[in-house]
């Protein structure tokens, strides 16, 4: 097990129906992260949530809502995350972006951390 390394957890909150150039926003963000050389990203689909418009979106059998919350999580070095922020701002019309300082502990021989 390696010693902890300081990094940044980038969280991007968008809606399932958000689009960027006609395609799902979350897919466009993941592609942009990959193209920028980020180590990885995870997309999580929420089962219920609401945002600034206070409309609750839920995955219930009696609801017809398909606009569920989407969360994209990325762990990376802080300077790389901050350098990517203008790209995100250009892609996201409505949404929330959070940054958290984290301690990264890798328990994998395949993961190379400086």
PDB file of N, CA and C in Angstrom:
ATOM      1  N   UNK A   1       0.849  -1.178   0.000  1.00  0.00           N
ATOM      2  CA  UNK A   1       0.000   0.000   0.000  1.00  0.00           C
ATOM      3  C   UNK A   1       0.887   1.230   0.000  1.00  0.00           C
ATOM      4  N   UNK A   2       0.597   2.172  -0.873  1.00  0.00           N
ATOM      5  CA  UNK A   2       1.413   3.377  -0.987  1.00  0.00           C
ATOM      6  C   UNK A   2       0.946   4.453  -0.010  1.00  0.00           C
ATOM      7  N   UNK A   3       1.802   5.453   0.193  1.00  0.00           N
ATOM      8  CA  UNK A   3       1.449   6.584   1.041  1.00  0.00           C
ATOM      9  C   UNK A   3       0.382   7.425   0.357  1.00  0.00           C
ATOM     10  N   UNK A   4      -0.478   8.092   1.142  1.00  0.00           N
ATOM     11  CA  UNK A   4      -1.516   8.947   0.540  1.00  0.00           C
ATOM     12  C   UNK A   4      -0.920  10.082  -0.283  1.00  0.00           C
ATOM     13  N   UNK A   5      -1.591  10.396  -1.370  1.00  0.00           N
ATOM     14  CA  UNK A   5      -1.210  11.497  -2.254  1.00  0.00           C
ATOM     15  C   UNK A   5      -2.384  12.462  -2.301  1.00  0.00           C
ATOM     16  N   UNK A   6      -2.103  13.747  -2.219  1.00  0.00           N
ATOM     17  CA  UNK A   6      -3.165  14.741  -2.286  1.00  0.00           C
ATOM     18  C   UNK A   6      -3.635  14.885  -3.724  1.00  0.00           C
ATOM     19  N   UNK A   7      -4.920  14.881  -3.892  1.00  0.00           N
ATOM     20  CA  UNK A   7      -5.522  15.052  -5.211  1.00  0.00           C
ATOM     21  C   UNK A   7      -6.802  15.848  -5.102  1.00  0.00           C
ATOM     22  N   UNK A   8      -7.548  15.910  -6.187  1.00  0.00           N
ATOM     23  CA  UNK A   8      -8.814  16.634  -6.224  1.00  0.00           C
ATOM     24  C   UNK A   8      -9.899  15.711  -6.748  1.00  0.00           C
ATOM     25  N   UNK A   9     -11.026  15.709  -6.056  1.00  0.00           N
ATOM     26  CA  UNK A   9     -12.213  15.001  -6.511  1.00  0.00           C
ATOM     27  C   UNK A   9     -13.113  16.023  -7.191  1.00  0.00           C
ATOM     28  N   UNK A  10     -13.303  15.840  -8.481  1.00  0.00           N
ATOM     29  CA  UNK A  10     -14.172  16.698  -9.277  1.00  0.00           C
ATOM     30  C   UNK A  10     -15.503  15.991  -9.416  1.00  0.00           C
ATOM     31  N   UNK A  11     -16.580  16.651  -9.022  1.00  0.00           N
ATOM     32  CA  UNK A  11     -17.922  16.107  -9.185  1.00  0.00           C
ATOM     33  C   UNK A  11     -18.722  17.055 -10.062  1.00  0.00           C
ATOM     34  N   UNK A  12     -19.378  16.466 -11.057  1.00  0.00           N
ATOM     35  CA  UNK A  12     -20.178  17.239 -12.003  1.00  0.00           C
ATOM     36  C   UNK A  12     -21.598  16.699 -11.953  1.00  0.00           C
ATOM     37  N   UNK A  13     -22.540  17.562 -11.596  1.00  0.00           N
ATOM     38  CA  UNK A  13     -23.946  17.183 -11.486  1.00  0.00           C
ATOM     39  C   UNK A  13     -24.713  17.779 -12.662  1.00  0.00           C
ATOM     40  N   UNK A  14     -25.303  16.931 -13.481  1.00  0.00           N
ATOM     41  CA  UNK A  14     -26.107  17.361 -14.621  1.00  0.00           C
ATOM     42  C   UNK A  14     -27.370  16.509 -14.666  1.00  0.00           C
ATOM     43  N   UNK A  15     -28.214  16.762 -15.642  1.00  0.00           N
ATOM     44  CA  UNK A  15     -29.423  15.966 -15.839  1.00  0.00           C
ATOM     45  C   UNK A  15     -29.245  15.037 -17.023  1.00  0.00           C
ATOM     46  N   UNK A  16     -29.951  13.943 -16.981  1.00  0.00           N
ATOM     47  CA  UNK A  16     -29.874  12.941 -18.036  1.00  0.00           C
ATOM     48  C   UNK A  16     -30.234  13.504 -19.415  1.00  0.00           C
ATOM     49  N   UNK A  17     -31.159  14.444 -19.469  1.00  0.00           N
ATOM     50  CA  UNK A  17     -31.609  14.991 -20.745  1.00  0.00           C
ATOM     51  C   UNK A  17     -30.767  16.169 -21.239  1.00  0.00           C
ATOM     52  N   UNK A  18     -29.780  16.625 -20.469  1.00  0.00           N
ATOM     53  CA  UNK A  18     -28.910  17.713 -20.909  1.00  0.00           C
ATOM     54  C   UNK A  18     -28.118  17.277 -22.135  1.00  0.00           C
ATOM     55  N   UNK A  19     -27.972  18.196 -23.076  1.00  0.00           N
ATOM     56  CA  UNK A  19     -27.308  17.886 -24.337  1.00  0.00           C
ATOM     57  C   UNK A  19     -26.159  18.855 -24.597  1.00  0.00           C
ATOM     58  N   UNK A  20     -25.195  18.363 -25.364  1.00  0.00           N
ATOM     59  CA  UNK A  20     -24.085  19.181 -25.847  1.00  0.00           C
ATOM     60  C   UNK A  20     -23.878  18.794 -27.298  1.00  0.00           C
ATOM     61  N   UNK A  21     -24.131  19.716 -28.202  1.00  0.00           N
ATOM     62  CA  UNK A  21     -24.046  19.467 -29.642  1.00  0.00           C
ATOM     63  C   UNK A  21     -24.869  18.241 -30.049  1.00  0.00           C
ATOM     64  N   UNK A  22     -26.074  18.129 -29.471  1.00  0.00           N
ATOM     65  CA  UNK A  22     -27.017  17.092 -29.860  1.00  0.00           C
ATOM     66  C   UNK A  22     -26.840  15.734 -29.210  1.00  0.00           C
ATOM     67  N   UNK A  23     -25.815  15.558 -28.400  1.00  0.00           N
ATOM     68  CA  UNK A  23     -25.627  14.264 -27.737  1.00  0.00           C
ATOM     69  C   UNK A  23     -25.690  14.427 -26.232  1.00  0.00           C
ATOM     70  N   UNK A  24     -25.889  13.346 -25.484  1.00  0.00           N
ATOM     71  CA  UNK A  24     -25.967  13.479 -24.028  1.00  0.00           C
ATOM     72  C   UNK A  24     -24.735  14.187 -23.458  1.00  0.00           C
ATOM     73  N   UNK A  25     -24.982  15.175 -22.616  1.00  0.00           N
ATOM     74  CA  UNK A  25     -23.905  15.975 -22.040  1.00  0.00           C
ATOM     75  C   UNK A  25     -22.908  15.118 -21.282  1.00  0.00           C
ATOM     76  N   UNK A  26     -23.401  14.165 -20.492  1.00  0.00           N
ATOM     77  CA  UNK A  26     -22.483  13.365 -19.688  1.00  0.00           C
ATOM     78  C   UNK A  26     -21.519  12.572 -20.579  1.00  0.00           C
ATOM     79  N   UNK A  27     -21.994  12.102 -21.723  1.00  0.00           N
ATOM     80  CA  UNK A  27     -21.114  11.385 -22.654  1.00  0.00           C
ATOM     81  C   UNK A  27     -20.071  12.330 -23.250  1.00  0.00           C
ATOM     82  N   UNK A  28     -20.498  13.526 -23.603  1.00  0.00           N
ATOM     83  CA  UNK A  28     -19.576  14.516 -24.157  1.00  0.00           C
ATOM     84  C   UNK A  28     -18.507  14.901 -23.140  1.00  0.00           C
ATOM     85  N   UNK A  29     -18.893  15.022 -21.868  1.00  0.00           N
ATOM     86  CA  UNK A  29     -17.935  15.359 -20.811  1.00  0.00           C
ATOM     87  C   UNK A  29     -16.921  14.234 -20.640  1.00  0.00           C
ATOM     88  N   UNK A  30     -17.387  12.999 -20.600  1.00  0.00           N
ATOM     89  CA  UNK A  30     -16.472  11.858 -20.451  1.00  0.00           C
ATOM     90  C   UNK A  30     -15.487  11.808 -21.623  1.00  0.00           C
ATOM     91  N   UNK A  31     -15.979  12.025 -22.825  1.00  0.00           N
ATOM     92  CA  UNK A  31     -15.084  12.043 -23.990  1.00  0.00           C
ATOM     93  C   UNK A  31     -14.063  13.169 -23.894  1.00  0.00           C
ATOM     94  N   UNK A  32     -14.506  14.346 -23.438  1.00  0.00           N
ATOM     95  CA  UNK A  32     -13.587  15.478 -23.291  1.00  0.00           C
ATOM     96  C   UNK A  32     -12.524  15.186 -22.232  1.00  0.00           C
ATOM     97  N   UNK A  33     -12.920  14.551 -21.136  1.00  0.00           N
ATOM     98  CA  UNK A  33     -11.965  14.163 -20.093  1.00  0.00           C
ATOM     99  C   UNK A  33     -10.941  13.164 -20.644  1.00  0.00           C
ATOM    100  N   UNK A  34     -11.431  12.194 -21.384  1.00  0.00           N
ATOM    101  CA  UNK A  34     -10.543  11.187 -21.980  1.00  0.00           C
ATOM    102  C   UNK A  34      -9.573  11.843 -22.960  1.00  0.00           C
ATOM    103  N   UNK A  35     -10.104  12.717 -23.822  1.00  0.00           N
ATOM    104  CA  UNK A  35      -9.263  13.415 -24.802  1.00  0.00           C
ATOM    105  C   UNK A  35      -8.208  14.301 -24.123  1.00  0.00           C
ATOM    106  N   UNK A  36      -8.542  14.823 -22.934  1.00  0.00           N
ATOM    107  CA  UNK A  36      -7.612  15.680 -22.195  1.00  0.00           C
ATOM    108  C   UNK A  36      -6.584  14.872 -21.405  1.00  0.00           C
ATOM    109  N   UNK A  37      -6.681  13.541 -21.454  1.00  0.00           N
ATOM    110  CA  UNK A  37      -5.689  12.703 -20.803  1.00  0.00           C
ATOM    111  C   UNK A  37      -5.940  12.388 -19.346  1.00  0.00           C
ATOM    112  N   UNK A  38      -7.173  12.575 -18.883  1.00  0.00           N
ATOM    113  CA  UNK A  38      -7.479  12.243 -17.492  1.00  0.00           C
ATOM    114  C   UNK A  38      -7.374  10.738 -17.287  1.00  0.00           C
ATOM    115  N   UNK A  39      -7.063  10.343 -16.070  1.00  0.00           N
ATOM    116  CA  UNK A  39      -6.858   8.938 -15.740  1.00  0.00           C
ATOM    117  C   UNK A  39      -8.147   8.127 -15.827  1.00  0.00           C
ATOM    118  N   UNK A  40      -9.263   8.712 -15.438  1.00  0.00           N
ATOM    119  CA  UNK A  40     -10.533   7.994 -15.470  1.00  0.00           C
ATOM    120  C   UNK A  40     -11.676   8.873 -15.035  1.00  0.00           C
ATOM    121  N   UNK A  41     -12.876   8.396 -15.288  1.00  0.00           N
ATOM    122  CA  UNK A  41     -14.097   9.088 -14.874  1.00  0.00           C
ATOM    123  C   UNK A  41     -15.168   8.029 -14.661  1.00  0.00           C
ATOM    124  N   UNK A  42     -16.066   8.290 -13.735  1.00  0.00           N
ATOM    125  CA  UNK A  42     -17.179   7.395 -13.464  1.00  0.00           C
ATOM    126  C   UNK A  42     -18.473   8.176 -13.567  1.00  0.00           C
ATOM    127  N   UNK A  43     -19.452   7.617 -14.273  1.00  0.00           N
ATOM    128  CA  UNK A  43     -20.763   8.239 -14.412  1.00  0.00           C
ATOM    129  C   UNK A  43     -21.757   7.420 -13.593  1.00  0.00           C
ATOM    130  N   UNK A  44     -22.462   8.114 -12.706  1.00  0.00           N
ATOM    131  CA  UNK A  44     -23.472   7.486 -11.862  1.00  0.00           C
ATOM    132  C   UNK A  44     -24.831   8.091 -12.164  1.00  0.00           C
ATOM    133  N   UNK A  45     -25.845   7.239 -12.269  1.00  0.00           N
ATOM    134  CA  UNK A  45     -27.200   7.704 -12.545  1.00  0.00           C
ATOM    135  C   UNK A  45     -28.001   7.627 -11.247  1.00  0.00           C
ATOM    136  N   UNK A  46     -28.553   8.771 -10.843  1.00  0.00           N
ATOM    137  CA  UNK A  46     -29.323   8.815  -9.617  1.00  0.00           C
ATOM    138  C   UNK A  46     -30.722   8.250  -9.814  1.00  0.00           C
ATOM    139  N   UNK A  47     -31.303   7.765  -8.732  1.00  0.00           N
ATOM    140  CA  UNK A  47     -32.668   7.257  -8.817  1.00  0.00           C
ATOM    141  C   UNK A  47     -33.697   8.318  -8.448  1.00  0.00           C
ATOM    142  N   UNK A  48     -33.224   9.398  -7.823  1.00  0.00           N
ATOM    143  CA  UNK A  48     -34.122  10.493  -7.494  1.00  0.00           C
ATOM    144  C   UNK A  48     -33.293  11.708  -7.141  1.00  0.00           C
ATOM    145  N   UNK A  49     -33.832  12.890  -7.448  1.00  0.00           N
ATOM    146  CA  UNK A  49     -33.146  14.110  -7.084  1.00  0.00           C
ATOM    147  C   UNK A  49     -33.851  15.330  -7.628  1.00  0.00           C
ATOM    148  N   UNK A  50     -33.395  16.510  -7.182  1.00  0.00           N
ATOM    149  CA  UNK A  50     -33.898  17.767  -7.724  1.00  0.00           C
ATOM    150  C   UNK A  50     -32.761  18.765  -7.710  1.00  0.00           C
ATOM    151  N   UNK A  51     -32.912  19.769  -8.553  1.00  0.00           N
ATOM    152  CA  UNK A  51     -31.878  20.790  -8.668  1.00  0.00           C
ATOM    153  C   UNK A  51     -32.435  22.168  -8.439  1.00  0.00           C
ATOM    154  N   UNK A  52     -31.837  23.152  -9.078  1.00  0.00           N
ATOM    155  CA  UNK A  52     -32.185  24.555  -8.836  1.00  0.00           C
ATOM    156  C   UNK A  52     -33.627  24.880  -9.225  1.00  0.00           C
ATOM    157  N   UNK A  53     -34.233  24.103 -10.121  1.00  0.00           N
ATOM    158  CA  UNK A  53     -35.618  24.369 -10.520  1.00  0.00           C
ATOM    159  C   UNK A  53     -36.634  23.711  -9.588  1.00  0.00           C
ATOM    160  N   UNK A  54     -36.154  22.948  -8.608  1.00  0.00           N
ATOM    161  CA  UNK A  54     -36.981  22.307  -7.578  1.00  0.00           C
ATOM    162  C   UNK A  54     -37.956  21.266  -8.122  1.00  0.00           C
ATOM    163  N   UNK A  55     -37.716  20.768  -9.328  1.00  0.00           N
ATOM    164  CA  UNK A  55     -38.532  19.699  -9.884  1.00  0.00           C
ATOM    165  C   UNK A  55     -37.891  18.370  -9.505  1.00  0.00           C
ATOM    166  N   UNK A  56     -38.651  17.520  -8.818  1.00  0.00           N
ATOM    167  CA  UNK A  56     -38.133  16.216  -8.416  1.00  0.00           C
ATOM    168  C   UNK A  56     -38.222  15.261  -9.594  1.00  0.00           C
ATOM    169  N   UNK A  57     -37.115  14.616  -9.886  1.00  0.00           N
ATOM    170  CA  UNK A  57     -37.055  13.591 -10.928  1.00  0.00           C
ATOM    171  C   UNK A  57     -36.767  12.274 -10.227  1.00  0.00           C
ATOM    172  N   UNK A  58     -37.573  11.259 -10.519  1.00  0.00           N
ATOM    173  CA  UNK A  58     -37.427   9.984  -9.811  1.00  0.00           C
ATOM    174  C   UNK A  58     -37.650   8.818 -10.750  1.00  0.00           C
ATOM    175  N   UNK A  59     -37.010   7.702 -10.426  1.00  0.00           N
ATOM    176  CA  UNK A  59     -37.167   6.468 -11.198  1.00  0.00           C
ATOM    177  C   UNK A  59     -38.180   5.584 -10.467  1.00  0.00           C
ATOM    178  N   UNK A  60     -39.424   5.941 -10.586  1.00  0.00           N
ATOM    179  CA  UNK A  60     -40.508   5.167  -9.966  1.00  0.00           C
ATOM    180  C   UNK A  60     -41.388   4.626 -11.077  1.00  0.00           C
ATOM    181  N   UNK A  61     -42.028   3.517 -10.813  1.00  0.00           N
ATOM    182  CA  UNK A  61     -42.839   2.881 -11.854  1.00  0.00           C
ATOM    183  C   UNK A  61     -44.018   3.743 -12.282  1.00  0.00           C
ATOM    184  N   UNK A  62     -44.542   4.580 -11.398  1.00  0.00           N
ATOM    185  CA  UNK A  62     -45.691   5.411 -11.754  1.00  0.00           C
ATOM    186  C   UNK A  62     -45.283   6.770 -12.319  1.00  0.00           C
ATOM    187  N   UNK A  63     -43.989   7.084 -12.299  1.00  0.00           N
ATOM    188  CA  UNK A  63     -43.492   8.328 -12.879  1.00  0.00           C
ATOM    189  C   UNK A  63     -43.057   8.096 -14.318  1.00  0.00           C
ATOM    190  N   UNK A  64     -43.291   9.055 -15.155  1.00  0.00           N
ATOM    191  CA  UNK A  64     -42.839   8.975 -16.539  1.00  0.00           C
ATOM    192  C   UNK A  64     -41.524   9.740 -16.735  1.00  0.00           C
ATOM    193  N   UNK A  65     -40.964  10.273 -15.651  1.00  0.00           N
ATOM    194  CA  UNK A  65     -39.754  11.073 -15.737  1.00  0.00           C
ATOM    195  C   UNK A  65     -38.566  10.224 -16.178  1.00  0.00           C
ATOM    196  N   UNK A  66     -37.865  10.710 -17.174  1.00  0.00           N
ATOM    197  CA  UNK A  66     -36.632  10.052 -17.593  1.00  0.00           C
ATOM    198  C   UNK A  66     -35.444  10.975 -17.382  1.00  0.00           C
ATOM    199  N   UNK A  67     -35.699  12.185 -16.901  1.00  0.00           N
ATOM    200  CA  UNK A  67     -34.638  13.166 -16.726  1.00  0.00           C
ATOM    201  C   UNK A  67     -34.002  13.016 -15.349  1.00  0.00           C
ATOM    202  N   UNK A  68     -33.337  11.897 -15.141  1.00  0.00           N
ATOM    203  CA  UNK A  68     -32.765  11.597 -13.835  1.00  0.00           C
ATOM    204  C   UNK A  68     -31.434  12.314 -13.636  1.00  0.00           C
ATOM    205  N   UNK A  69     -31.041  12.474 -12.363  1.00  0.00           N
ATOM    206  CA  UNK A  69     -29.760  13.122 -12.091  1.00  0.00           C
ATOM    207  C   UNK A  69     -28.588  12.245 -12.530  1.00  0.00           C
ATOM    208  N   UNK A  70     -27.545  12.898 -13.042  1.00  0.00           N
ATOM    209  CA  UNK A  70     -26.318  12.223 -13.452  1.00  0.00           C
ATOM    210  C   UNK A  70     -25.154  12.871 -12.693  1.00  0.00           C
ATOM    211  N   UNK A  71     -24.289  12.030 -12.153  1.00  0.00           N
ATOM    212  CA  UNK A  71     -23.098  12.501 -11.444  1.00  0.00           C
ATOM    213  C   UNK A  71     -21.877  11.910 -12.128  1.00  0.00           C
ATOM    214  N   UNK A  72     -20.935  12.778 -12.485  1.00  0.00           N
ATOM    215  CA  UNK A  72     -19.662  12.348 -13.056  1.00  0.00           C
ATOM    216  C   UNK A  72     -18.595  12.634 -12.013  1.00  0.00           C
ATOM    217  N   UNK A  73     -17.835  11.614 -11.649  1.00  0.00           N
ATOM    218  CA  UNK A  73     -16.770  11.781 -10.671  1.00  0.00           C
ATOM    219  C   UNK A  73     -15.416  11.525 -11.312  1.00  0.00           C
ATOM    220  N   UNK A  74     -14.460  12.388 -10.967  1.00  0.00           N
ATOM    221  CA  UNK A  74     -13.109  12.304 -11.507  1.00  0.00           C
ATOM    222  C   UNK A  74     -12.134  12.582 -10.373  1.00  0.00           C
ATOM    223  N   UNK A  75     -11.091  11.789 -10.281  1.00  0.00           N
ATOM    224  CA  UNK A  75     -10.020  12.034  -9.315  1.00  0.00           C
ATOM    225  C   UNK A  75      -8.752  12.299 -10.110  1.00  0.00           C
ATOM    226  N   UNK A  76      -8.131  13.436  -9.808  1.00  0.00           N
ATOM    227  CA  UNK A  76      -6.962  13.838 -10.600  1.00  0.00           C
ATOM    228  C   UNK A  76      -6.143  14.848  -9.797  1.00  0.00           C
ATOM    229  N   UNK A  77      -4.965  15.176 -10.297  1.00  0.00           N
ATOM    230  CA  UNK A  77      -4.142  16.218  -9.680  1.00  0.00           C
ATOM    231  C   UNK A  77      -4.840  17.564  -9.845  1.00  0.00           C
ATOM    232  N   UNK A  78      -4.756  18.404  -8.823  1.00  0.00           N
ATOM    233  CA  UNK A  78      -5.480  19.675  -8.808  1.00  0.00           C
ATOM    234  C   UNK A  78      -5.174  20.577 -10.009  1.00  0.00           C
ATOM    235  N   UNK A  79      -3.919  20.770 -10.399  1.00  0.00           N
ATOM    236  CA  UNK A  79      -3.661  21.659 -11.546  1.00  0.00           C
ATOM    237  C   UNK A  79      -4.343  21.191 -12.840  1.00  0.00           C
ATOM    238  N   UNK A  80      -4.411  19.894 -13.053  1.00  0.00           N
ATOM    239  CA  UNK A  80      -5.066  19.370 -14.259  1.00  0.00           C
ATOM    240  C   UNK A  80      -6.563  19.625 -14.209  1.00  0.00           C
ATOM    241  N   UNK A  81      -7.160  19.436 -13.025  1.00  0.00           N
ATOM    242  CA  UNK A  81      -8.596  19.691 -12.879  1.00  0.00           C
ATOM    243  C   UNK A  81      -8.886  21.164 -13.130  1.00  0.00           C
ATOM    244  N   UNK A  82      -8.129  22.034 -12.522  1.00  0.00           N
ATOM    245  CA  UNK A  82      -8.364  23.473 -12.675  1.00  0.00           C
ATOM    246  C   UNK A  82      -8.142  23.942 -14.117  1.00  0.00           C
ATOM    247  N   UNK A  83      -7.197  23.341 -14.799  1.00  0.00           N
ATOM    248  CA  UNK A  83      -6.959  23.690 -16.202  1.00  0.00           C
ATOM    249  C   UNK A  83      -8.122  23.245 -17.101  1.00  0.00           C
ATOM    250  N   UNK A  84      -8.868  22.244 -16.664  1.00  0.00           N
ATOM    251  CA  UNK A  84      -9.993  21.716 -17.440  1.00  0.00           C
ATOM    252  C   UNK A  84     -11.292  22.492 -17.196  1.00  0.00           C
ATOM    253  N   UNK A  85     -11.324  23.293 -16.156  1.00  0.00           N
ATOM    254  CA  UNK A  85     -12.559  24.002 -15.778  1.00  0.00           C
ATOM    255  C   UNK A  85     -13.132  24.871 -16.905  1.00  0.00           C
ATOM    256  N   UNK A  86     -12.347  25.619 -17.672  1.00  0.00           N
ATOM    257  CA  UNK A  86     -12.938  26.399 -18.766  1.00  0.00           C
ATOM    258  C   UNK A  86     -13.668  25.521 -19.796  1.00  0.00           C
ATOM    259  N   UNK A  87     -13.135  24.345 -20.053  1.00  0.00           N
ATOM    260  CA  UNK A  87     -13.804  23.415 -20.971  1.00  0.00           C
ATOM    261  C   UNK A  87     -15.163  23.025 -20.416  1.00  0.00           C
ATOM    262  N   UNK A  88     -15.209  22.674 -19.133  1.00  0.00           N
ATOM    263  CA  UNK A  88     -16.483  22.305 -18.505  1.00  0.00           C
ATOM    264  C   UNK A  88     -17.482  23.458 -18.534  1.00  0.00           C
ATOM    265  N   UNK A  89     -17.013  24.641 -18.194  1.00  0.00           N
ATOM    266  CA  UNK A  89     -17.906  25.805 -18.189  1.00  0.00           C
ATOM    267  C   UNK A  89     -18.494  26.060 -19.573  1.00  0.00           C
ATOM    268  N   UNK A  90     -17.731  25.765 -20.609  1.00  0.00           N
ATOM    269  CA  UNK A  90     -18.217  25.930 -21.964  1.00  0.00           C
ATOM    270  C   UNK A  90     -19.220  24.872 -22.386  1.00  0.00           C
ATOM    271  N   UNK A  91     -19.221  23.744 -21.695  1.00  0.00           N
ATOM    272  CA  UNK A  91     -20.113  22.640 -22.051  1.00  0.00           C
ATOM    273  C   UNK A  91     -21.404  22.627 -21.247  1.00  0.00           C
ATOM    274  N   UNK A  92     -21.358  23.115 -20.010  1.00  0.00           N
ATOM    275  CA  UNK A  92     -22.482  22.975 -19.087  1.00  0.00           C
ATOM    276  C   UNK A  92     -23.255  24.284 -18.990  1.00  0.00           C
ATOM    277  N   UNK A  93     -24.510  24.274 -19.485  1.00  0.00           N
ATOM    278  CA  UNK A  93     -25.367  25.457 -19.376  1.00  0.00           C
ATOM    279  C   UNK A  93     -25.961  25.557 -17.975  1.00  0.00           C
ATOM    280  N   UNK A  94     -26.426  24.431 -17.451  1.00  0.00           N
ATOM    281  CA  UNK A  94     -26.953  24.355 -16.089  1.00  0.00           C
ATOM    282  C   UNK A  94     -26.391  23.101 -15.449  1.00  0.00           C
ATOM    283  N   UNK A  95     -25.987  23.225 -14.227  1.00  0.00           N
ATOM    284  CA  UNK A  95     -25.435  22.086 -13.517  1.00  0.00           C
ATOM    285  C   UNK A  95     -24.636  22.592 -12.338  1.00  0.00           C
ATOM    286  N   UNK A  96     -23.989  21.688 -11.669  1.00  0.00           N
ATOM    287  CA  UNK A  96     -23.200  22.023 -10.493  1.00  0.00           C
ATOM    288  C   UNK A  96     -21.866  21.304 -10.591  1.00  0.00           C
ATOM    289  N   UNK A  97     -20.814  22.021 -10.264  1.00  0.00           N
ATOM    290  CA  UNK A  97     -19.470  21.444 -10.247  1.00  0.00           C
ATOM    291  C   UNK A  97     -18.906  21.663  -8.853  1.00  0.00           C
ATOM    292  N   UNK A  98     -18.377  20.593  -8.242  1.00  0.00           N
ATOM    293  CA  UNK A  98     -17.734  20.733  -6.937  1.00  0.00           C
ATOM    294  C   UNK A  98     -16.317  20.184  -7.012  1.00  0.00           C
ATOM    295  N   UNK A  99     -15.449  20.751  -6.187  1.00  0.00           N
ATOM    296  CA  UNK A  99     -14.072  20.295  -6.056  1.00  0.00           C
ATOM    297  C   UNK A  99     -13.802  20.025  -4.586  1.00  0.00           C
ATOM    298  N   UNK A 100     -13.181  18.883  -4.315  1.00  0.00           N
ATOM    299  CA  UNK A 100     -12.817  18.534  -2.945  1.00  0.00           C
ATOM    300  C   UNK A 100     -11.374  18.061  -2.920  1.00  0.00           C
ATOM    301  N   UNK A 101     -10.624  18.522  -1.935  1.00  0.00           N
ATOM    302  CA  UNK A 101      -9.269  18.023  -1.742  1.00  0.00           C
ATOM    303  C   UNK A 101      -9.397  16.639  -1.099  1.00  0.00           C
ATOM    304  N   UNK A 102      -8.668  15.669  -1.641  1.00  0.00           N
ATOM    305  CA  UNK A 102      -8.748  14.306  -1.120  1.00  0.00           C
ATOM    306  C   UNK A 102      -7.354  13.736  -0.902  1.00  0.00           C
ATOM    307  N   UNK A 103      -7.295  12.671  -0.143  1.00  0.00           N
ATOM    308  CA  UNK A 103      -6.087  11.876   0.015  1.00  0.00           C
ATOM    309  C   UNK A 103      -6.316  10.582  -0.748  1.00  0.00           C
ATOM    310  N   UNK A 104      -5.508  10.351  -1.769  1.00  0.00           N
ATOM    311  CA  UNK A 104      -5.632   9.179  -2.613  1.00  0.00           C
ATOM    312  C   UNK A 104      -4.699   8.091  -2.106  1.00  0.00           C
ATOM    313  N   UNK A 105      -5.276   6.926  -1.843  1.00  0.00           N
ATOM    314  CA  UNK A 105      -4.494   5.774  -1.411  1.00  0.00           C
ATOM    315  C   UNK A 105      -4.708   4.683  -2.448  1.00  0.00           C
ATOM    316  N   UNK A 106      -3.665   4.321  -3.142  1.00  0.00           N
ATOM    317  CA  UNK A 106      -3.769   3.299  -4.190  1.00  0.00           C
ATOM    318  C   UNK A 106      -3.314   1.961  -3.635  1.00  0.00           C
ATOM    319  N   UNK A 107      -4.076   0.943  -3.929  1.00  0.00           N
ATOM    320  CA  UNK A 107      -3.711  -0.407  -3.529  1.00  0.00           C
ATOM    321  C   UNK A 107      -3.681  -1.277  -4.776  1.00  0.00           C
ATOM    322  N   UNK A 108      -2.932  -0.829  -5.767  1.00  0.00           N
ATOM    323  CA  UNK A 108      -2.852  -1.550  -7.026  1.00  0.00           C
ATOM    324  C   UNK A 108      -1.465  -1.377  -7.622  1.00  0.00           C
ATOM    325  N   UNK A 109      -0.888  -2.439  -8.072  1.00  0.00           N
ATOM    326  CA  UNK A 109       0.418  -2.343  -8.715  1.00  0.00           C
ATOM    327  C   UNK A 109       0.303  -1.779 -10.111  1.00  0.00           C
ATOM    328  N   UNK A 110      -0.905  -1.863 -10.697  1.00  0.00           N
ATOM    329  CA  UNK A 110      -1.124  -1.364 -12.062  1.00  0.00           C
ATOM    330  C   UNK A 110      -1.298   0.152 -12.089  1.00  0.00           C
ATOM    331  N   UNK A 111      -1.690   0.734 -10.976  1.00  0.00           N
ATOM    332  CA  UNK A 111      -1.933   2.170 -10.922  1.00  0.00           C
ATOM    333  C   UNK A 111      -0.630   2.880 -10.608  1.00  0.00           C
ATOM    334  N   UNK A 112      -0.154   3.653 -11.552  1.00  0.00           N
ATOM    335  CA  UNK A 112       1.089   4.384 -11.360  1.00  0.00           C
ATOM    336  C   UNK A 112       0.781   5.792 -10.909  1.00  0.00           C
ATOM    337  N   UNK A 113       1.204   6.111  -9.700  1.00  0.00           N
ATOM    338  CA  UNK A 113       0.978   7.427  -9.128  1.00  0.00           C
ATOM    339  C   UNK A 113       2.327   8.042  -8.824  1.00  0.00           C
ATOM    340  N   UNK A 114       2.536   9.263  -9.299  1.00  0.00           N
ATOM    341  CA  UNK A 114       3.845   9.890  -9.075  1.00  0.00           C
ATOM    342  C   UNK A 114       4.130  10.129  -7.600  1.00  0.00           C
TER     343      UNK A 114
END
